[in-house]
Amino acid sequence: MFVIVRNRAQTRLELNYEKRQHLLGNIDIVLVFKKSFEFR
């Protein structure tokens, strides 16, 4: 039982990390887009 719970917590942490990375990636894209838009 304990191993299953620990694995579930681990996967949840990994999912949260992936979500955070995805959000950071989106923010980077938005910043780059804004910069290129300002130069025009």
C-alpha atoms as a PDB file:
ATOM      1  CA  MET A   1       0.000   0.000   0.000  1.00  0.00           C
ATOM      2  CA  PHE A   2       2.672   2.484   1.049  1.00  0.00           C
ATOM      3  CA  VAL A   3       4.597   2.031  -2.191  1.00  0.00           C
ATOM      4  CA  ILE A   4       1.470   2.719  -4.259  1.00  0.00           C
ATOM      5  CA  VAL A   5       0.759   5.912  -2.309  1.00  0.00           C
ATOM      6  CA  ARG A   6       4.368   7.029  -2.666  1.00  0.00           C
ATOM      7  CA  ASN A   7       4.336   6.357  -6.404  1.00  0.00           C
ATOM      8  CA  ARG A   8       1.100   8.305  -6.761  1.00  0.00           C
ATOM      9  CA  ALA A   9       2.619  11.250  -4.896  1.00  0.00           C
ATOM     10  CA  GLN A  10       5.678  11.003  -7.138  1.00  0.00           C
ATOM     11  CA  THR A  11       3.614  11.064 -10.332  1.00  0.00           C
ATOM     12  CA  ARG A  12       1.595  13.984  -8.967  1.00  0.00           C
ATOM     13  CA  LEU A  13       4.817  15.905  -8.318  1.00  0.00           C
ATOM     14  CA  GLU A  14       6.027  15.124 -11.824  1.00  0.00           C
ATOM     15  CA  LEU A  15       2.721  16.252 -13.336  1.00  0.00           C
ATOM     16  CA  ASN A  16       2.871  19.519 -11.390  1.00  0.00           C
ATOM     17  CA  TYR A  17       6.449  20.019 -12.565  1.00  0.00           C
ATOM     18  CA  GLU A  18       5.439  19.396 -16.187  1.00  0.00           C
ATOM     19  CA  LYS A  19       2.544  21.844 -15.846  1.00  0.00           C
ATOM     20  CA  ARG A  20       4.889  24.469 -14.412  1.00  0.00           C
ATOM     21  CA  GLN A  21       7.397  23.923 -17.227  1.00  0.00           C
ATOM     22  CA  HIS A  22       4.567  24.215 -19.759  1.00  0.00           C
ATOM     23  CA  LEU A  23       3.388  27.496 -18.216  1.00  0.00           C
ATOM     24  CA  LEU A  24       6.930  28.877 -18.151  1.00  0.00           C
ATOM     25  CA  GLY A  25       7.339  27.894 -21.799  1.00  0.00           C
ATOM     26  CA  ASN A  26       4.121  29.703 -22.694  1.00  0.00           C
ATOM     27  CA  ILE A  27       5.245  32.808 -20.797  1.00  0.00           C
ATOM     28  CA  ASP A  28       8.571  32.742 -22.675  1.00  0.00           C
ATOM     29  CA  ILE A  29       6.720  32.517 -26.004  1.00  0.00           C
ATOM     30  CA  VAL A  30       4.485  35.454 -25.030  1.00  0.00           C
ATOM     31  CA  LEU A  31       7.507  37.554 -23.990  1.00  0.00           C
ATOM     32  CA  VAL A  32       9.333  36.806 -27.242  1.00  0.00           C
ATOM     33  CA  PHE A  33       6.185  37.621 -29.207  1.00  0.00           C
ATOM     34  CA  LYS A  34       5.780  40.946 -27.380  1.00  0.00           C
ATOM     35  CA  LYS A  35       9.424  41.860 -28.011  1.00  0.00           C
ATOM     36  CA  SER A  36       9.222  41.064 -31.722  1.00  0.00           C
ATOM     37  CA  PHE A  37       5.931  42.979 -31.875  1.00  0.00           C
ATOM     38  CA  GLU A  38       7.537  46.071 -30.295  1.00  0.00           C
ATOM     39  CA  PHE A  39      10.366  46.064 -32.854  1.00  0.00           C
ATOM     40  CA  ARG A  40       7.931  46.274 -35.753  1.00  0.00           C
END
